[in-house]
């Protein structure tokens, strides 16, 4: 097929995800990942600090958001990438002996699940990570089966590039590098010494790019700030999403296995293809199991591994494996398993709180009251004069992202923040204070409020106004309710 045929096919496969992105944006849905990233970009642009990209991880998403800092930009880019990935999978499946109905059912097991819809439209970093992991697996497969040396270098480069989208790439790359010799030894026909050298070279081809990506990014952070690991500790960095704060604790191997096992319940296609691999190419099984081992290992160390990403990358690897190890006699069985996976993906509850929120949003089909509150508050905050609202962007990032500008705010990263904290009455007009129960202390903890009056409250927030400043919120009381409870408090009382 000509290049323009592939381009049209990828665009056609992208249309449903682009439509979903536009609809979700219109219904005010905003993921935590996109809110953090957009806020970080808005602050960098407003403060004219493009060098902050060094401490903003993942940098690929940051660079994309620089073009136009909005959640819609990231959602549309993720939708396009999802379409490209689906098109590549469809073409790969078409090269095998499977019939049209079987291929359609197999692709549906991926794209007709809430996890895929979430990654495609609400988590650009995870979407590009899954795409690069898929390309790496695809190239690794071609390298070891057909001996295409260039494919091995492509696999390594994809994993190296994936590091700039997700820290998970480090675990994937190192584990794949460790087990690649085991899979490759089955096809080596050279002398033992030459075989050992060849296997070592294969290991280095996979491991070197991702290790160099880690070292180079740490070096850039060290040159810019003196701290090589600054990008891991930045308050608004995407790496905060890796810390298991909101999800149930997964520290310990038993808890990690339990969490991974919960996701395996929704991956019957992954089991089925794993069985085929075990029967037909046993030495490939360790390579095939790398996503499960990576997720379990990271969770056992206390890190958060995205539930949606694990579901998607396992399914993608299963489909990518079937492209080479499939047979028509498996057709009916694969269709049934694919349909079962779609049903389980929709019916079984999720454990990741944001994925639960997304599923509820798809079920309701309309904005949540809390999102409407955020939009209304952000609209009013945007009207404030520049650098007049003192707040902590570790908590206010959703409001800043919805406001579409960081100009009205004074934040902990600003040079004037400490001065504003010591004498807020002279330095700022307003104070936006988080009062969420159970959260870690805000940078505004202990700030003197003697010269300020409480102007507005809503769940987890209080807004104070200097007695000499004009009000931002009109005197009104919201009547929006969720489960019979008031969503936001009074304005102007």
Protein backbone atom coordinates (compact mmCIF):
# COMPACT_ATOMS: atom_id res chain seq x y z
CA UNK A 1 0.00 0.00 0.00
CA UNK A 2 1.24 3.52 -0.83
CA UNK A 3 2.15 5.94 1.97
CA UNK A 4 -0.98 8.02 1.44
CA UNK A 5 -3.10 4.89 1.84
CA UNK A 6 -1.56 4.30 5.26
CA UNK A 7 -2.06 7.96 6.12
CA UNK A 8 -5.75 7.86 5.22
CA UNK A 9 -6.19 4.57 7.07
CA UNK A 10 -4.57 5.94 10.23
CA UNK A 11 -6.73 9.07 10.05
CA UNK A 12 -9.87 6.98 9.60
CA UNK A 13 -9.00 4.86 12.62
CA UNK A 14 -8.32 8.06 14.59
CA UNK A 15 -11.72 9.65 13.98
CA UNK A 16 -13.59 7.89 16.84
CA UNK A 17 -10.90 8.89 19.34
CA UNK A 18 -10.78 12.46 18.08
CA UNK A 19 -14.55 12.66 18.42
CA UNK A 20 -14.36 11.24 21.94
CA UNK A 21 -11.68 13.81 22.84
CA UNK A 22 -13.83 16.69 21.62
CA UNK A 23 -16.90 15.35 23.40
CA UNK A 24 -15.07 14.82 26.70
CA UNK A 25 -13.62 18.32 26.47
CA UNK A 26 -17.08 19.75 25.86
CA UNK A 27 -18.39 17.85 28.89
CA UNK A 28 -15.60 19.37 31.04
CA UNK A 29 -13.71 16.14 31.80
CA UNK A 30 -10.11 16.85 32.81
CA UNK A 31 -7.71 14.11 33.81
CA UNK A 32 -5.17 14.61 36.59
CA UNK A 33 -2.30 13.89 34.21
CA UNK A 34 -3.32 16.52 31.69
CA UNK A 35 -4.16 19.06 34.41
CA UNK A 36 -0.69 18.76 35.98
CA UNK A 37 1.07 18.94 32.64
CA UNK A 38 -0.90 21.92 31.32
CA UNK A 39 -0.34 23.82 34.56
CA UNK A 40 3.40 23.21 34.40
CA UNK A 41 3.52 24.52 30.82
CA UNK A 42 1.36 27.56 31.63
CA UNK A 43 3.66 28.51 34.51
CA UNK A 44 6.79 28.06 32.38
CA UNK A 45 5.37 30.21 29.57
CA UNK A 46 4.04 32.94 31.84
CA UNK A 47 7.34 33.18 33.76
CA UNK A 48 9.31 32.95 30.49
CA UNK A 49 11.23 29.97 31.78
CA UNK A 50 11.47 27.45 28.92
CA UNK A 51 14.45 25.86 30.68
CA UNK A 52 11.97 24.38 33.14
CA UNK A 53 11.56 21.58 30.62
CA UNK A 54 14.66 20.08 32.28
CA UNK A 55 12.75 19.48 35.51
CA UNK A 56 9.44 18.70 33.82
CA UNK A 57 8.98 15.02 33.29
CA UNK A 58 7.94 13.54 30.92
CA UNK A 59 9.56 15.97 28.46
CA UNK A 60 7.86 14.63 25.31
CA UNK A 61 4.44 15.60 26.65
CA UNK A 62 5.79 18.93 27.91
CA UNK A 63 7.16 19.81 24.47
CA UNK A 64 3.85 18.96 22.81
CA UNK A 65 1.89 21.05 25.31
CA UNK A 66 4.20 24.00 24.62
CA UNK A 67 2.63 24.28 21.14
CA UNK A 68 -0.72 25.11 22.72
CA UNK A 69 -1.07 24.54 26.46
CA UNK A 70 -4.48 22.93 26.80
CA UNK A 71 -5.83 19.53 27.68
CA UNK A 72 -7.51 19.39 24.27
CA UNK A 73 -4.13 19.55 22.53
CA UNK A 74 -2.93 16.50 24.46
CA UNK A 75 -6.23 14.67 23.97
CA UNK A 76 -6.24 15.18 20.20
CA UNK A 77 -2.59 14.13 19.94
CA UNK A 78 -3.38 11.00 21.94
CA UNK A 79 -6.36 10.27 19.71
CA UNK A 80 -4.23 10.54 16.57
CA UNK A 81 -1.61 8.26 18.08
CA UNK A 82 -4.29 5.74 19.07
CA UNK A 83 -5.52 5.69 15.48
CA UNK A 84 -2.01 5.11 14.13
CA UNK A 85 -1.45 2.29 16.60
CA UNK A 86 -4.78 0.63 15.77
CA UNK A 87 -4.01 0.92 12.04
CA UNK A 88 -0.58 -0.67 12.42
CA UNK A 89 -2.09 -3.53 14.43
CA UNK A 90 -4.82 -4.02 11.85
CA UNK A 91 -2.28 -4.22 9.03
CA UNK A 92 -0.10 -6.63 10.98
CA UNK A 93 -3.08 -8.89 11.69
CA UNK A 94 -4.07 -8.72 8.02
CA UNK A 95 -0.74 -10.25 7.00
CA UNK A 96 -1.56 -13.50 8.79
CA UNK A 97 -4.04 -16.26 7.98
CA UNK A 98 -6.82 -14.96 10.23
CA UNK A 99 -10.11 -14.02 8.60
CA UNK A 100 -11.72 -10.57 8.62
CA UNK A 101 -14.18 -11.39 11.41
CA UNK A 102 -11.43 -12.75 13.65
CA UNK A 103 -9.24 -9.70 13.05
CA UNK A 104 -12.14 -7.37 13.78
CA UNK A 105 -12.93 -9.15 17.05
CA UNK A 106 -9.28 -9.08 18.08
CA UNK A 107 -8.96 -5.36 17.43
CA UNK A 108 -12.23 -4.76 19.26
CA UNK A 109 -10.74 -6.43 22.36
CA UNK A 110 -8.35 -3.50 22.47
CA UNK A 111 -10.27 -0.43 21.32
CA UNK A 112 -13.68 -1.15 22.88
CA UNK A 113 -12.57 -0.95 26.49
CA UNK A 114 -12.67 2.01 28.92
CA UNK A 115 -8.92 1.64 29.56
CA UNK A 116 -8.09 2.21 25.88
CA UNK A 117 -10.48 5.15 25.62
CA UNK A 118 -8.89 6.68 28.70
CA UNK A 119 -5.32 6.28 27.45
CA UNK A 120 -6.21 7.53 23.97
CA UNK A 121 -7.90 10.73 25.15
CA UNK A 122 -6.85 11.50 28.73
CA UNK A 123 -3.28 10.29 29.22
CA UNK A 124 -0.99 11.28 26.38
CA UNK A 125 2.21 10.18 28.15
CA UNK A 126 0.88 6.66 28.71
CA UNK A 127 -0.50 6.55 25.17
CA UNK A 128 2.85 7.35 23.59
CA UNK A 129 4.52 4.95 26.03
CA UNK A 130 2.26 2.09 24.99
CA UNK A 131 2.85 2.92 21.31
CA UNK A 132 6.64 2.88 21.73
CA UNK A 133 6.49 -0.34 23.79
CA UNK A 134 4.48 -1.89 20.98
CA UNK A 135 7.00 -0.79 18.35
CA UNK A 136 9.82 -2.14 20.50
CA UNK A 137 8.06 -5.52 20.89
CA UNK A 138 7.29 -5.62 17.18
CA UNK A 139 10.93 -4.89 16.27
CA UNK A 140 12.26 -7.33 18.85
CA UNK A 141 10.06 -10.03 17.37
CA UNK A 142 11.32 -9.37 13.84
CA UNK A 143 14.93 -9.24 15.03
CA UNK A 144 14.91 -12.57 16.83
CA UNK A 145 12.69 -14.47 14.40
CA UNK A 146 13.97 -13.17 11.05
CA UNK A 147 17.46 -12.04 12.03
CA UNK A 148 16.89 -8.43 10.90
CA UNK A 149 19.68 -6.67 12.77
CA UNK A 150 18.30 -3.21 12.11
CA UNK A 151 15.09 -4.24 13.89
CA UNK A 152 17.09 -4.84 17.08
CA UNK A 153 18.45 -1.31 16.97
CA UNK A 154 14.93 0.01 16.35
CA UNK A 155 13.71 -1.87 19.45
CA UNK A 156 16.45 -0.36 21.58
CA UNK A 157 15.86 3.16 20.24
CA UNK A 158 12.12 2.89 20.85
CA UNK A 159 12.75 1.95 24.48
CA UNK A 160 15.24 4.79 24.85
CA UNK A 161 12.71 7.25 23.44
CA UNK A 162 9.98 5.77 25.66
CA UNK A 163 11.99 6.82 28.73
CA UNK A 164 11.19 10.44 27.85
CA UNK A 165 7.49 9.57 28.07
CA UNK A 166 7.42 7.15 31.01
CA UNK A 167 9.76 5.86 33.71
CA UNK A 168 8.27 2.44 33.08
CA UNK A 169 10.54 2.23 30.03
CA UNK A 170 13.50 1.67 32.34
CA UNK A 171 11.95 -1.50 33.79
CA UNK A 172 10.76 -2.73 30.38
CA UNK A 173 14.11 -2.07 28.71
CA UNK A 174 16.27 -3.72 31.37
CA UNK A 175 14.02 -6.78 31.71
CA UNK A 176 13.81 -7.26 27.96
CA UNK A 177 17.58 -6.91 27.74
CA UNK A 178 18.06 -9.59 30.40
CA UNK A 179 15.78 -12.17 28.80
CA UNK A 180 16.61 -11.46 25.13
CA UNK A 181 19.64 -13.86 25.21
CA UNK A 182 17.36 -16.66 26.42
CA UNK A 183 15.03 -16.17 23.44
CA UNK A 184 17.89 -15.66 20.97
CA UNK A 185 19.94 -18.70 22.06
CA UNK A 186 17.47 -21.02 20.38
CA UNK A 187 18.50 -19.70 16.95
CA UNK A 188 22.26 -19.31 17.52
CA UNK A 189 24.32 -21.80 15.50
CA UNK A 190 27.82 -20.40 16.10
CA UNK A 191 30.53 -21.65 18.46
CA UNK A 192 29.92 -21.25 22.22
CA UNK A 193 32.34 -18.30 22.49
CA UNK A 194 30.87 -16.51 19.46
CA UNK A 195 27.41 -17.30 20.76
CA UNK A 196 28.17 -15.69 24.13
CA UNK A 197 29.54 -12.59 22.43
CA UNK A 198 26.52 -12.36 20.14
CA UNK A 199 24.11 -12.73 23.05
CA UNK A 200 25.97 -10.06 25.04
CA UNK A 201 25.74 -7.74 22.04
CA UNK A 202 21.98 -8.34 21.86
CA UNK A 203 21.63 -7.46 25.53
CA UNK A 204 23.57 -4.22 25.09
CA UNK A 205 21.59 -3.24 22.00
CA UNK A 206 18.38 -3.29 24.07
CA UNK A 207 19.70 -1.93 27.38
CA UNK A 208 22.08 0.80 26.18
CA UNK A 209 19.57 3.34 24.73
CA UNK A 210 17.29 3.40 27.77
CA UNK A 211 20.24 3.62 30.17
CA UNK A 212 21.74 6.46 28.14
CA UNK A 213 18.37 8.24 28.17
CA UNK A 214 18.34 8.05 31.98
CA UNK A 215 21.96 9.19 32.31
CA UNK A 216 21.60 12.04 29.80
CA UNK A 217 18.45 13.41 31.42
CA UNK A 218 20.01 13.18 34.88
CA UNK A 219 23.09 15.00 33.54
CA UNK A 220 20.97 17.80 32.06
CA UNK A 221 19.21 18.21 35.41
CA UNK A 222 22.57 18.31 37.18
CA UNK A 223 23.94 20.97 34.82
CA UNK A 224 20.80 23.10 35.13
CA UNK A 225 20.18 22.78 38.86
CA UNK A 226 22.96 20.84 40.55
CA UNK A 227 20.50 18.04 41.32
CA UNK A 228 20.57 15.14 38.82
CA UNK A 229 17.27 13.77 40.11
CA UNK A 230 15.35 17.05 40.16
CA UNK A 231 12.94 15.79 37.52
CA UNK A 232 11.83 13.06 39.92
CA UNK A 233 11.01 15.52 42.70
CA UNK A 234 9.39 18.40 40.85
CA UNK A 235 5.99 19.07 42.51
CA UNK A 236 4.09 19.23 39.23
CA UNK A 237 6.13 16.62 37.41
CA UNK A 238 4.25 13.74 35.89
CA UNK A 239 6.28 11.44 38.12
CA UNK A 240 4.01 12.35 41.01
CA UNK A 241 1.49 10.10 39.32
CA UNK A 242 3.85 7.19 39.94
CA UNK A 243 3.66 7.60 43.71
CA UNK A 244 0.86 5.49 45.05
CA UNK A 245 -0.93 8.18 47.04
CA UNK A 246 -4.57 7.86 46.04
CA UNK A 247 -4.73 4.18 45.10
CA UNK A 248 -4.74 1.45 47.75
CA UNK A 249 -1.23 0.65 49.02
CA UNK A 250 0.68 -1.87 46.94
CA UNK A 251 3.87 -2.00 48.99
CA UNK A 252 4.99 -5.59 49.37
CA UNK A 253 5.14 -8.47 46.95
CA UNK A 254 1.86 -10.06 48.06
CA UNK A 255 -0.10 -6.86 47.55
CA UNK A 256 1.63 -6.30 44.22
CA UNK A 257 0.72 -9.78 43.02
CA UNK A 258 -2.85 -9.22 44.16
CA UNK A 259 -3.08 -5.96 42.21
CA UNK A 260 -1.61 -7.47 39.04
CA UNK A 261 -3.84 -10.50 39.41
CA UNK A 262 -6.89 -8.24 39.48
CA UNK A 263 -5.93 -6.87 36.08
CA UNK A 264 -5.23 -10.35 34.72
CA UNK A 265 -8.90 -11.18 35.29
CA UNK A 266 -9.68 -8.77 32.46
CA UNK A 267 -7.01 -10.13 30.09
CA UNK A 268 -8.23 -13.53 28.85
CA UNK A 269 -6.72 -12.80 25.42
CA UNK A 270 -3.32 -12.28 27.02
CA UNK A 271 -3.62 -15.68 28.77
CA UNK A 272 -4.70 -17.40 25.55
CA UNK A 273 -1.84 -16.00 23.48
CA UNK A 274 0.56 -16.79 26.32
CA UNK A 275 -0.58 -20.40 26.09
CA UNK A 276 0.12 -20.38 22.33
CA UNK A 277 3.58 -18.93 22.95
CA UNK A 278 4.29 -21.56 25.63
CA UNK A 279 3.31 -24.34 23.23
CA UNK A 280 4.98 -23.06 20.06
CA UNK A 281 7.92 -20.88 21.19
CA UNK A 282 8.65 -21.54 24.86
CA UNK A 283 11.84 -19.47 24.90
CA UNK A 284 9.77 -16.40 24.01
CA UNK A 285 7.61 -16.67 27.11
CA UNK A 286 9.93 -14.58 29.38
CA UNK A 287 9.86 -11.77 26.81
CA UNK A 288 6.09 -12.00 26.63
CA UNK A 289 5.72 -11.79 30.42
CA UNK A 290 7.85 -8.64 30.84
CA UNK A 291 4.84 -6.27 31.33
CA UNK A 292 3.47 -8.38 34.19
CA UNK A 293 6.88 -8.72 35.83
CA UNK A 294 7.60 -5.00 35.45
CA UNK A 295 4.27 -3.98 36.97
CA UNK A 296 4.59 -6.42 39.86
CA UNK A 297 8.20 -5.43 40.56
CA UNK A 298 7.48 -1.68 40.59
CA UNK A 299 4.38 -2.12 42.73
CA UNK A 300 6.30 -4.28 45.19
CA UNK A 301 8.74 -1.38 45.57
CA UNK A 302 5.85 0.93 46.41
CA UNK A 303 5.44 2.64 43.03
CA UNK A 304 2.19 3.14 41.20
CA UNK A 305 1.87 1.33 37.87
CA UNK A 306 -1.01 2.54 35.74
CA UNK A 307 -3.80 -0.01 35.60
CA UNK A 308 -4.96 1.24 32.21
CA UNK A 309 -1.46 1.05 30.75
CA UNK A 310 -0.94 -2.52 31.92
CA UNK A 311 -4.26 -3.62 30.43
CA UNK A 312 -3.46 -1.97 27.11
CA UNK A 313 0.18 -3.00 26.72
CA UNK A 314 -0.64 -6.63 27.56
CA UNK A 315 -3.42 -6.66 24.96
CA UNK A 316 -1.23 -4.96 22.37
CA UNK A 317 1.57 -7.48 22.93
CA UNK A 318 -0.91 -10.32 22.58
CA UNK A 319 -2.16 -8.94 19.25
CA UNK A 320 1.38 -8.26 18.07
CA UNK A 321 2.31 -11.86 18.88
CA UNK A 322 -0.67 -13.27 16.98
CA UNK A 323 0.58 -11.46 13.87
CA UNK A 324 3.32 -14.10 13.61
CA UNK A 325 2.02 -17.11 15.55
CA UNK A 326 -1.56 -17.56 14.41
CA UNK A 327 -3.52 -20.20 12.58
CA UNK A 328 -7.00 -20.37 11.09
CA UNK A 329 -7.92 -23.26 13.36
CA UNK A 330 -7.63 -20.88 16.33
CA UNK A 331 -10.16 -18.47 14.75
CA UNK A 332 -13.38 -19.30 16.63
CA UNK A 333 -11.51 -19.68 19.91
CA UNK A 334 -9.82 -16.28 19.50
CA UNK A 335 -13.12 -14.58 18.63
CA UNK A 336 -14.76 -15.93 21.77
CA UNK A 337 -11.82 -14.91 23.93
CA UNK A 338 -11.73 -11.43 22.38
CA UNK A 339 -15.44 -10.90 23.01
CA UNK A 340 -15.00 -12.16 26.57
CA UNK A 341 -12.24 -9.62 27.11
CA UNK A 342 -14.46 -6.78 25.89
CA UNK A 343 -17.24 -7.90 28.24
CA UNK A 344 -14.91 -8.24 31.23
CA UNK A 345 -13.25 -4.90 30.50
CA UNK A 346 -16.63 -3.18 30.68
CA UNK A 347 -18.24 -5.20 33.47
CA UNK A 348 -15.48 -5.67 36.04
CA UNK A 349 -14.72 -2.71 38.33
CA UNK A 350 -11.45 -0.80 38.07
CA UNK A 351 -9.08 -0.19 40.97
CA UNK A 352 -7.40 2.98 39.73
CA UNK A 353 -9.46 5.91 41.04
CA UNK A 354 -9.08 8.01 37.91
CA UNK A 355 -10.08 5.11 35.68
CA UNK A 356 -13.14 4.64 37.93
CA UNK A 357 -13.90 8.34 37.47
CA UNK A 358 -13.58 7.96 33.69
CA UNK A 359 -15.89 4.95 33.58
CA UNK A 360 -18.46 6.85 35.64
CA UNK A 361 -18.17 9.77 33.25
CA UNK A 362 -18.77 7.54 30.22
CA UNK A 363 -21.76 5.99 31.98
CA UNK A 364 -23.29 9.34 32.97
CA UNK A 365 -22.56 11.06 29.67
CA UNK A 366 -22.66 14.55 31.18
CA UNK A 367 -20.42 16.85 33.24
CA UNK A 368 -19.89 16.11 36.91
CA UNK A 369 -21.03 18.85 39.27
CA UNK A 370 -17.50 19.16 40.61
CA UNK A 371 -16.20 19.88 37.09
CA UNK A 372 -18.80 22.59 36.66
CA UNK A 373 -17.67 24.10 39.95
CA UNK A 374 -14.04 24.07 38.80
CA UNK A 375 -14.94 25.76 35.54
CA UNK A 376 -16.93 28.48 37.28
CA UNK A 377 -14.22 29.12 39.86
CA UNK A 378 -11.47 29.13 37.22
CA UNK A 379 -13.43 31.64 35.12
CA UNK A 380 -13.56 34.04 38.05
CA UNK A 381 -9.95 33.53 39.06
CA UNK A 382 -8.83 34.31 35.51
CA UNK A 383 -10.27 37.82 35.91
CA UNK A 384 -7.84 38.71 38.70
CA UNK A 385 -4.95 41.10 38.06
CA UNK A 386 -1.52 39.53 37.37
CA UNK A 387 0.24 37.94 40.34
CA UNK A 388 -2.49 38.85 42.81
CA UNK A 389 -3.62 35.35 43.98
CA UNK A 390 -1.34 33.50 46.38
CA UNK A 391 -1.75 29.72 46.15
CA UNK A 392 0.07 26.39 45.99
CA UNK A 393 0.07 24.82 42.53
CA UNK A 394 0.58 21.35 44.00
CA UNK A 395 -3.12 21.54 44.90
CA UNK A 396 -4.52 24.25 42.62
CA UNK A 397 -3.22 22.75 39.37
CA UNK A 398 -6.69 21.79 38.14
CA UNK A 399 -7.99 25.33 38.65
CA UNK A 400 -4.92 26.81 36.92
CA UNK A 401 -5.29 24.42 34.00
CA UNK A 402 -8.97 25.28 33.61
CA UNK A 403 -8.20 29.00 33.87
CA UNK A 404 -5.84 28.63 30.91
CA UNK A 405 -3.29 31.02 32.39
CA UNK A 406 -0.89 31.17 35.33
CA UNK A 407 -0.59 34.96 35.24
CA UNK A 408 -2.98 35.77 38.14
CA UNK A 409 -1.15 33.46 40.56
CA UNK A 410 1.85 33.69 42.88
CA UNK A 411 3.23 30.18 43.27
CA UNK A 412 5.94 28.46 45.37
CA UNK A 413 8.33 28.45 42.40
CA UNK A 414 8.21 32.25 42.06
CA UNK A 415 10.96 34.45 43.50
CA UNK A 416 8.33 36.62 45.21
CA UNK A 417 6.59 33.73 46.96
CA UNK A 418 8.49 33.97 50.26
CA UNK A 419 7.94 37.72 50.40
CA UNK A 420 4.23 37.21 49.81
CA UNK A 421 4.12 34.57 52.55
CA UNK A 422 5.80 36.87 55.08
CA UNK A 423 3.62 39.90 54.30
CA UNK A 424 0.58 38.84 52.25
CA UNK A 425 -1.40 41.97 53.02
CA UNK A 426 1.05 44.14 51.07
CA UNK A 427 2.07 41.67 48.35
CA UNK A 428 -1.17 40.00 47.16
CA UNK A 429 -4.87 40.73 46.99
CA UNK A 430 -6.24 37.20 47.33
CA UNK A 431 -5.32 33.87 48.89
CA UNK A 432 -6.57 30.54 47.53
CA UNK A 433 -6.15 28.00 50.32
CA UNK A 434 -6.60 24.25 50.12
CA UNK A 435 -8.32 22.74 53.16
CA UNK A 436 -8.61 19.16 51.92
CA UNK A 437 -8.62 16.70 54.81
CA UNK A 438 -5.88 14.10 54.89
CA UNK A 439 -3.64 15.85 52.36
CA UNK A 440 -0.02 16.76 53.01
CA UNK A 441 0.59 20.30 54.34
CA UNK A 442 0.32 23.06 51.76
CA UNK A 443 3.10 25.60 51.21
CA UNK A 444 0.60 28.15 52.53
CA UNK A 445 0.28 26.48 55.93
CA UNK A 446 0.49 29.03 58.74
CA UNK A 447 0.04 32.09 56.54
CA UNK A 448 -1.32 35.12 58.47
CA UNK A 449 -4.88 36.01 57.43
CA UNK A 450 -5.49 39.03 59.68
CA UNK A 451 -5.85 41.45 56.78
CA UNK A 452 -8.06 39.13 54.72
CA UNK A 453 -11.73 38.22 54.78
CA UNK A 454 -13.23 34.92 53.71
CA UNK A 455 -14.98 35.64 50.41
CA UNK A 456 -15.94 32.19 49.11
CA UNK A 457 -15.80 28.52 50.03
CA UNK A 458 -16.40 25.30 48.16
CA UNK A 459 -15.40 21.71 48.98
CA UNK A 460 -11.70 21.51 50.01
CA UNK A 461 -11.10 25.20 49.26
CA UNK A 462 -11.32 28.62 50.89
CA UNK A 463 -10.85 31.91 49.05
CA UNK A 464 -9.72 34.98 50.98
CA UNK A 465 -9.80 38.59 49.79
CA UNK A 466 -7.84 41.53 51.06
CA UNK A 467 -10.19 44.09 52.58
CA UNK A 468 -8.93 46.67 50.08
CA UNK A 469 -9.33 44.46 46.99
CA UNK A 470 -12.41 44.21 44.77
CA UNK A 471 -14.44 40.98 45.08
CA UNK A 472 -14.04 38.24 42.44
CA UNK A 473 -17.08 36.20 43.41
CA UNK A 474 -20.58 37.60 43.24
CA UNK A 475 -22.79 37.12 46.32
CA UNK A 476 -24.58 33.89 45.48
CA UNK A 477 -25.15 30.43 46.79
CA UNK A 478 -24.88 27.45 44.45
CA UNK A 479 -27.77 25.06 44.33
CA UNK A 480 -25.89 22.31 42.50
CA UNK A 481 -26.08 19.03 44.36
CA UNK A 482 -24.44 15.64 44.20
CA UNK A 483 -26.22 12.82 46.04
CA UNK A 484 -28.27 15.43 47.87
CA UNK A 485 -25.23 17.32 49.21
CA UNK A 486 -24.22 20.85 48.29
CA UNK A 487 -21.29 20.86 45.86
CA UNK A 488 -19.85 24.24 46.69
CA UNK A 489 -20.35 26.59 49.53
CA UNK A 490 -21.43 30.19 49.53
CA UNK A 491 -19.87 32.95 47.45
CA UNK A 492 -19.63 36.39 48.96
CA UNK A 493 -21.17 35.62 52.30
